[in-house]
Amino acid sequence: MLLLWGDQDIVSPFEPWKNSIINYPKIQLQVLENSGHSPMLEKPKEFWHSIEGFLKTKLVHNIS
């Protein structure tokens, strides 16, 4: 699972989530800089680059 967060998200800050996923090593947290609650709209290139990179690593691991 990939969690994408904006570092300036005041609606749902990532800090509480960051601490709660420690026990789940399969969950990845990526924080997009200079973005708020809607990184898919505020930083679309970075957002999709993160998703693409995550999917590529999962596809490579599942094919091997």
PDB file of N, CA and C in Angstrom:
ATOM      1  N   MET A   1       0.849  -1.169   0.000  1.00  0.00           N
ATOM      2  CA  MET A   1       0.000   0.000   0.000  1.00  0.00           C
ATOM      3  C   MET A   1       0.894   1.230   0.000  1.00  0.00           C
ATOM      4  N   LEU A   2       0.514   2.197  -0.795  1.00  0.00           N
ATOM      5  CA  LEU A   2       1.231   3.464  -0.856  1.00  0.00           C
ATOM      6  C   LEU A   2       0.321   4.559  -0.315  1.00  0.00           C
ATOM      7  N   LEU A   3       0.813   5.283   0.666  1.00  0.00           N
ATOM      8  CA  LEU A   3       0.109   6.452   1.194  1.00  0.00           C
ATOM      9  C   LEU A   3       0.862   7.685   0.715  1.00  0.00           C
ATOM     10  N   LEU A   4       0.176   8.555   0.003  1.00  0.00           N
ATOM     11  CA  LEU A   4       0.765   9.803  -0.485  1.00  0.00           C
ATOM     12  C   LEU A   4       0.160  10.965   0.280  1.00  0.00           C
ATOM     13  N   TRP A   5       1.033  11.802   0.802  1.00  0.00           N
ATOM     14  CA  TRP A   5       0.574  12.924   1.616  1.00  0.00           C
ATOM     15  C   TRP A   5       1.282  14.200   1.211  1.00  0.00           C
ATOM     16  N   GLY A   6       0.592  15.307   1.325  1.00  0.00           N
ATOM     17  CA  GLY A   6       1.206  16.616   1.170  1.00  0.00           C
ATOM     18  C   GLY A   6       1.785  17.045   2.509  1.00  0.00           C
ATOM     19  N   ASP A   7       2.991  17.574   2.492  1.00  0.00           N
ATOM     20  CA  ASP A   7       3.640  17.949   3.753  1.00  0.00           C
ATOM     21  C   ASP A   7       2.963  19.130   4.445  1.00  0.00           C
ATOM     22  N   GLN A   8       2.101  19.837   3.736  1.00  0.00           N
ATOM     23  CA  GLN A   8       1.404  20.980   4.319  1.00  0.00           C
ATOM     24  C   GLN A   8      -0.095  20.710   4.482  1.00  0.00           C
ATOM     25  N   ASP A   9      -0.457  19.449   4.549  1.00  0.00           N
ATOM     26  CA  ASP A   9      -1.860  19.057   4.705  1.00  0.00           C
ATOM     27  C   ASP A   9      -2.330  19.373   6.118  1.00  0.00           C
ATOM     28  N   ILE A  10      -3.204  20.368   6.239  1.00  0.00           N
ATOM     29  CA  ILE A  10      -3.731  20.719   7.562  1.00  0.00           C
ATOM     30  C   ILE A  10      -5.083  20.047   7.818  1.00  0.00           C
ATOM     31  N   VAL A  11      -5.689  19.491   6.776  1.00  0.00           N
ATOM     32  CA  VAL A  11      -6.965  18.787   6.926  1.00  0.00           C
ATOM     33  C   VAL A  11      -6.732  17.430   7.593  1.00  0.00           C
ATOM     34  N   SER A  12      -5.709  16.737   7.122  1.00  0.00           N
ATOM     35  CA  SER A  12      -5.366  15.421   7.659  1.00  0.00           C
ATOM     36  C   SER A  12      -3.843  15.289   7.680  1.00  0.00           C
ATOM     37  N   PRO A  13      -3.183  15.836   8.701  1.00  0.00           N
ATOM     38  CA  PRO A  13      -1.724  15.802   8.766  1.00  0.00           C
ATOM     39  C   PRO A  13      -1.179  14.371   8.750  1.00  0.00           C
ATOM     40  N   PHE A  14       0.003  14.204   8.167  1.00  0.00           N
ATOM     41  CA  PHE A  14       0.563  12.866   8.023  1.00  0.00           C
ATOM     42  C   PHE A  14       1.263  12.348   9.272  1.00  0.00           C
ATOM     43  N   GLU A  15       1.602  13.184  10.204  1.00  0.00           N
ATOM     44  CA  GLU A  15       2.338  12.741  11.396  1.00  0.00           C
ATOM     45  C   GLU A  15       1.652  11.598  12.163  1.00  0.00           C
ATOM     46  N   PRO A  16       0.361  11.695  12.471  1.00  0.00           N
ATOM     47  CA  PRO A  16      -0.271  10.571  13.180  1.00  0.00           C
ATOM     48  C   PRO A  16      -0.224   9.276  12.364  1.00  0.00           C
ATOM     49  N   TRP A  17      -0.361   9.374  11.061  1.00  0.00           N
ATOM     50  CA  TRP A  17      -0.301   8.194  10.204  1.00  0.00           C
ATOM     51  C   TRP A  17       1.110   7.638  10.160  1.00  0.00           C
ATOM     52  N   LYS A  18       2.075   8.528  10.116  1.00  0.00           N
ATOM     53  CA  LYS A  18       3.472   8.110  10.070  1.00  0.00           C
ATOM     54  C   LYS A  18       3.799   7.218  11.269  1.00  0.00           C
ATOM     55  N   ASN A  19       3.318   7.593  12.424  1.00  0.00           N
ATOM     56  CA  ASN A  19       3.571   6.814  13.637  1.00  0.00           C
ATOM     57  C   ASN A  19       2.770   5.516  13.676  1.00  0.00           C
ATOM     58  N   SER A  20       1.604   5.483  13.041  1.00  0.00           N
ATOM     59  CA  SER A  20       0.763   4.294  13.118  1.00  0.00           C
ATOM     60  C   SER A  20       1.151   3.208  12.120  1.00  0.00           C
ATOM     61  N   ILE A  21       1.917   3.540  11.078  1.00  0.00           N
ATOM     62  CA  ILE A  21       2.266   2.518  10.088  1.00  0.00           C
ATOM     63  C   ILE A  21       3.589   1.820  10.388  1.00  0.00           C
ATOM     64  N   ILE A  22       4.243   2.186  11.451  1.00  0.00           N
ATOM     65  CA  ILE A  22       5.525   1.579  11.800  1.00  0.00           C
ATOM     66  C   ILE A  22       5.415   0.058  11.879  1.00  0.00           C
ATOM     67  N   ASN A  23       4.313  -0.443  12.371  1.00  0.00           N
ATOM     68  CA  ASN A  23       4.126  -1.882  12.533  1.00  0.00           C
ATOM     69  C   ASN A  23       3.681  -2.591  11.258  1.00  0.00           C
ATOM     70  N   TYR A  24       3.589  -1.867  10.168  1.00  0.00           N
ATOM     71  CA  TYR A  24       3.143  -2.437   8.890  1.00  0.00           C
ATOM     72  C   TYR A  24       4.201  -2.179   7.819  1.00  0.00           C
ATOM     73  N   PRO A  25       5.197  -3.053   7.717  1.00  0.00           N
ATOM     74  CA  PRO A  25       6.318  -2.805   6.803  1.00  0.00           C
ATOM     75  C   PRO A  25       5.941  -2.797   5.321  1.00  0.00           C
ATOM     76  N   LYS A  26       4.787  -3.329   4.964  1.00  0.00           N
ATOM     77  CA  LYS A  26       4.386  -3.320   3.555  1.00  0.00           C
ATOM     78  C   LYS A  26       3.758  -1.993   3.129  1.00  0.00           C
ATOM     79  N   ILE A  27       3.462  -1.137   4.082  1.00  0.00           N
ATOM     80  CA  ILE A  27       2.891   0.171   3.766  1.00  0.00           C
ATOM     81  C   ILE A  27       4.027   1.171   3.575  1.00  0.00           C
ATOM     82  N   GLN A  28       3.972   1.877   2.455  1.00  0.00           N
ATOM     83  CA  GLN A  28       4.946   2.928   2.183  1.00  0.00           C
ATOM     84  C   GLN A  28       4.263   4.281   2.315  1.00  0.00           C
ATOM     85  N   LEU A  29       4.956   5.202   2.960  1.00  0.00           N
ATOM     86  CA  LEU A  29       4.458   6.570   3.093  1.00  0.00           C
ATOM     87  C   LEU A  29       5.388   7.480   2.308  1.00  0.00           C
ATOM     88  N   GLN A  30       4.816   8.229   1.390  1.00  0.00           N
ATOM     89  CA  GLN A  30       5.573   9.228   0.653  1.00  0.00           C
ATOM     90  C   GLN A  30       4.919  10.575   0.890  1.00  0.00           C
ATOM     91  N   VAL A  31       5.761  11.547   1.197  1.00  0.00           N
ATOM     92  CA  VAL A  31       5.273  12.891   1.470  1.00  0.00           C
ATOM     93  C   VAL A  31       5.750  13.810   0.350  1.00  0.00           C
ATOM     94  N   LEU A  32       4.800  14.496  -0.269  1.00  0.00           N
ATOM     95  CA  LEU A  32       5.130  15.420  -1.349  1.00  0.00           C
ATOM     96  C   LEU A  32       5.307  16.818  -0.765  1.00  0.00           C
ATOM     97  N   GLU A  33       6.465  17.391  -1.042  1.00  0.00           N
ATOM     98  CA  GLU A  33       6.797  18.706  -0.493  1.00  0.00           C
ATOM     99  C   GLU A  33       5.976  19.809  -1.157  1.00  0.00           C
ATOM    100  N   ASN A  34       5.711  20.825  -0.379  1.00  0.00           N
ATOM    101  CA  ASN A  34       4.983  22.012  -0.837  1.00  0.00           C
ATOM    102  C   ASN A  34       3.610  21.670  -1.401  1.00  0.00           C
ATOM    103  N   SER A  35       2.940  20.738  -0.747  1.00  0.00           N
ATOM    104  CA  SER A  35       1.612  20.337  -1.171  1.00  0.00           C
ATOM    105  C   SER A  35       0.720  20.224   0.061  1.00  0.00           C
ATOM    106  N   GLY A  36      -0.548  20.484  -0.158  1.00  0.00           N
ATOM    107  CA  GLY A  36      -1.508  20.388   0.936  1.00  0.00           C
ATOM    108  C   GLY A  36      -2.306  19.103   0.879  1.00  0.00           C
ATOM    109  N   HIS A  37      -3.600  19.223   1.079  1.00  0.00           N
ATOM    110  CA  HIS A  37      -4.489  18.063   1.188  1.00  0.00           C
ATOM    111  C   HIS A  37      -4.761  17.378  -0.153  1.00  0.00           C
ATOM    112  N   SER A  38      -4.501  18.051  -1.256  1.00  0.00           N
ATOM    113  CA  SER A  38      -4.809  17.483  -2.581  1.00  0.00           C
ATOM    114  C   SER A  38      -3.562  17.432  -3.466  1.00  0.00           C
ATOM    115  N   PRO A  39      -2.593  16.598  -3.114  1.00  0.00           N
ATOM    116  CA  PRO A  39      -1.360  16.561  -3.917  1.00  0.00           C
ATOM    117  C   PRO A  39      -1.603  16.144  -5.361  1.00  0.00           C
ATOM    118  N   MET A  40      -2.667  15.386  -5.627  1.00  0.00           N
ATOM    119  CA  MET A  40      -2.964  14.969  -7.001  1.00  0.00           C
ATOM    120  C   MET A  40      -3.335  16.155  -7.878  1.00  0.00           C
ATOM    121  N   LEU A  41      -3.824  17.229  -7.266  1.00  0.00           N
ATOM    122  CA  LEU A  41      -4.157  18.446  -8.000  1.00  0.00           C
ATOM    123  C   LEU A  41      -3.047  19.492  -7.901  1.00  0.00           C
ATOM    124  N   GLU A  42      -2.407  19.562  -6.761  1.00  0.00           N
ATOM    125  CA  GLU A  42      -1.390  20.578  -6.512  1.00  0.00           C
ATOM    126  C   GLU A  42      -0.036  20.236  -7.134  1.00  0.00           C
ATOM    127  N   LYS A  43       0.294  18.953  -7.137  1.00  0.00           N
ATOM    128  CA  LYS A  43       1.581  18.474  -7.660  1.00  0.00           C
ATOM    129  C   LYS A  43       1.339  17.234  -8.525  1.00  0.00           C
ATOM    130  N   PRO A  44       0.580  17.371  -9.622  1.00  0.00           N
ATOM    131  CA  PRO A  44       0.191  16.177 -10.379  1.00  0.00           C
ATOM    132  C   PRO A  44       1.366  15.371 -10.941  1.00  0.00           C
ATOM    133  N   LYS A  45       2.403  16.029 -11.418  1.00  0.00           N
ATOM    134  CA  LYS A  45       3.546  15.289 -11.967  1.00  0.00           C
ATOM    135  C   LYS A  45       4.231  14.463 -10.890  1.00  0.00           C
ATOM    136  N   GLU A  46       4.487  15.069  -9.750  1.00  0.00           N
ATOM    137  CA  GLU A  46       5.124  14.360  -8.647  1.00  0.00           C
ATOM    138  C   GLU A  46       4.232  13.241  -8.118  1.00  0.00           C
ATOM    139  N   PHE A  47       2.946  13.521  -8.050  1.00  0.00           N
ATOM    140  CA  PHE A  47       1.981  12.537  -7.575  1.00  0.00           C
ATOM    141  C   PHE A  47       2.009  11.287  -8.458  1.00  0.00           C
ATOM    142  N   TRP A  48       1.895  11.474  -9.774  1.00  0.00           N
ATOM    143  CA  TRP A  48       1.876  10.326 -10.688  1.00  0.00           C
ATOM    144  C   TRP A  48       3.238   9.653 -10.794  1.00  0.00           C
ATOM    145  N   HIS A  49       4.295  10.418 -10.643  1.00  0.00           N
ATOM    146  CA  HIS A  49       5.637   9.822 -10.623  1.00  0.00           C
ATOM    147  C   HIS A  49       5.765   8.877  -9.423  1.00  0.00           C
ATOM    148  N   SER A  50       5.244   9.267  -8.287  1.00  0.00           N
ATOM    149  CA  SER A  50       5.268   8.424  -7.090  1.00  0.00           C
ATOM    150  C   SER A  50       4.469   7.144  -7.306  1.00  0.00           C
ATOM    151  N   ILE A  51       3.296   7.273  -7.880  1.00  0.00           N
ATOM    152  CA  ILE A  51       2.462   6.094  -8.133  1.00  0.00           C
ATOM    153  C   ILE A  51       3.133   5.169  -9.141  1.00  0.00           C
ATOM    154  N   GLU A  52       3.669   5.750 -10.202  1.00  0.00           N
ATOM    155  CA  GLU A  52       4.333   4.938 -11.225  1.00  0.00           C
ATOM    156  C   GLU A  52       5.526   4.179 -10.637  1.00  0.00           C
ATOM    157  N   GLY A  53       6.340   4.859  -9.847  1.00  0.00           N
ATOM    158  CA  GLY A  53       7.487   4.209  -9.222  1.00  0.00           C
ATOM    159  C   GLY A  53       7.066   3.084  -8.294  1.00  0.00           C
ATOM    160  N   PHE A  54       6.031   3.318  -7.524  1.00  0.00           N
ATOM    161  CA  PHE A  54       5.521   2.290  -6.610  1.00  0.00           C
ATOM    162  C   PHE A  54       5.023   1.072  -7.384  1.00  0.00           C
ATOM    163  N   LEU A  55       4.230   1.305  -8.423  1.00  0.00           N
ATOM    164  CA  LEU A  55       3.695   0.193  -9.210  1.00  0.00           C
ATOM    165  C   LEU A  55       4.800  -0.596  -9.907  1.00  0.00           C
ATOM    166  N   LYS A  56       5.799   0.099 -10.407  1.00  0.00           N
ATOM    167  CA  LYS A  56       6.905  -0.599 -11.072  1.00  0.00           C
ATOM    168  C   LYS A  56       7.628  -1.526 -10.105  1.00  0.00           C
ATOM    169  N   THR A  57       7.849  -1.078  -8.880  1.00  0.00           N
ATOM    170  CA  THR A  57       8.531  -1.955  -7.921  1.00  0.00           C
ATOM    171  C   THR A  57       7.665  -3.153  -7.571  1.00  0.00           C
ATOM    172  N   LYS A  58       6.373  -2.973  -7.494  1.00  0.00           N
ATOM    173  CA  LYS A  58       5.471  -4.080  -7.170  1.00  0.00           C
ATOM    174  C   LYS A  58       5.374  -5.059  -8.331  1.00  0.00           C
ATOM    175  N   LEU A  59       5.322  -4.568  -9.552  1.00  0.00           N
ATOM    176  CA  LEU A  59       5.238  -5.444 -10.718  1.00  0.00           C
ATOM    177  C   LEU A  59       6.518  -6.257 -10.879  1.00  0.00           C
ATOM    178  N   VAL A  60       7.662  -5.628 -10.661  1.00  0.00           N
ATOM    179  CA  VAL A  60       8.938  -6.331 -10.766  1.00  0.00           C
ATOM    180  C   VAL A  60       9.015  -7.428  -9.731  1.00  0.00           C
ATOM    181  N   HIS A  61       8.593  -7.160  -8.505  1.00  0.00           N
ATOM    182  CA  HIS A  61       8.646  -8.165  -7.436  1.00  0.00           C
ATOM    183  C   HIS A  61       7.668  -9.308  -7.680  1.00  0.00           C
ATOM    184  N   ASN A  62       6.534  -9.018  -8.285  1.00  0.00           N
ATOM    185  CA  ASN A  62       5.542 -10.064  -8.519  1.00  0.00           C
ATOM    186  C   ASN A  62       5.879 -10.922  -9.740  1.00  0.00           C
ATOM    187  N   ILE A  63       6.622 -10.397 -10.687  1.00  0.00           N
ATOM    188  CA  ILE A  63       6.998 -11.156 -11.876  1.00  0.00           C
ATOM    189  C   ILE A  63       8.153 -12.092 -11.572  1.00  0.00           C
ATOM    190  N   SER A  64       9.054 -11.668 -10.717  1.00  0.00           N
ATOM    191  CA  SER A  64      10.251 -12.457 -10.422  1.00  0.00           C
ATOM    192  C   SER A  64       9.921 -13.748  -9.713  1.00  0.00           C
TER     193      SER A  64
END
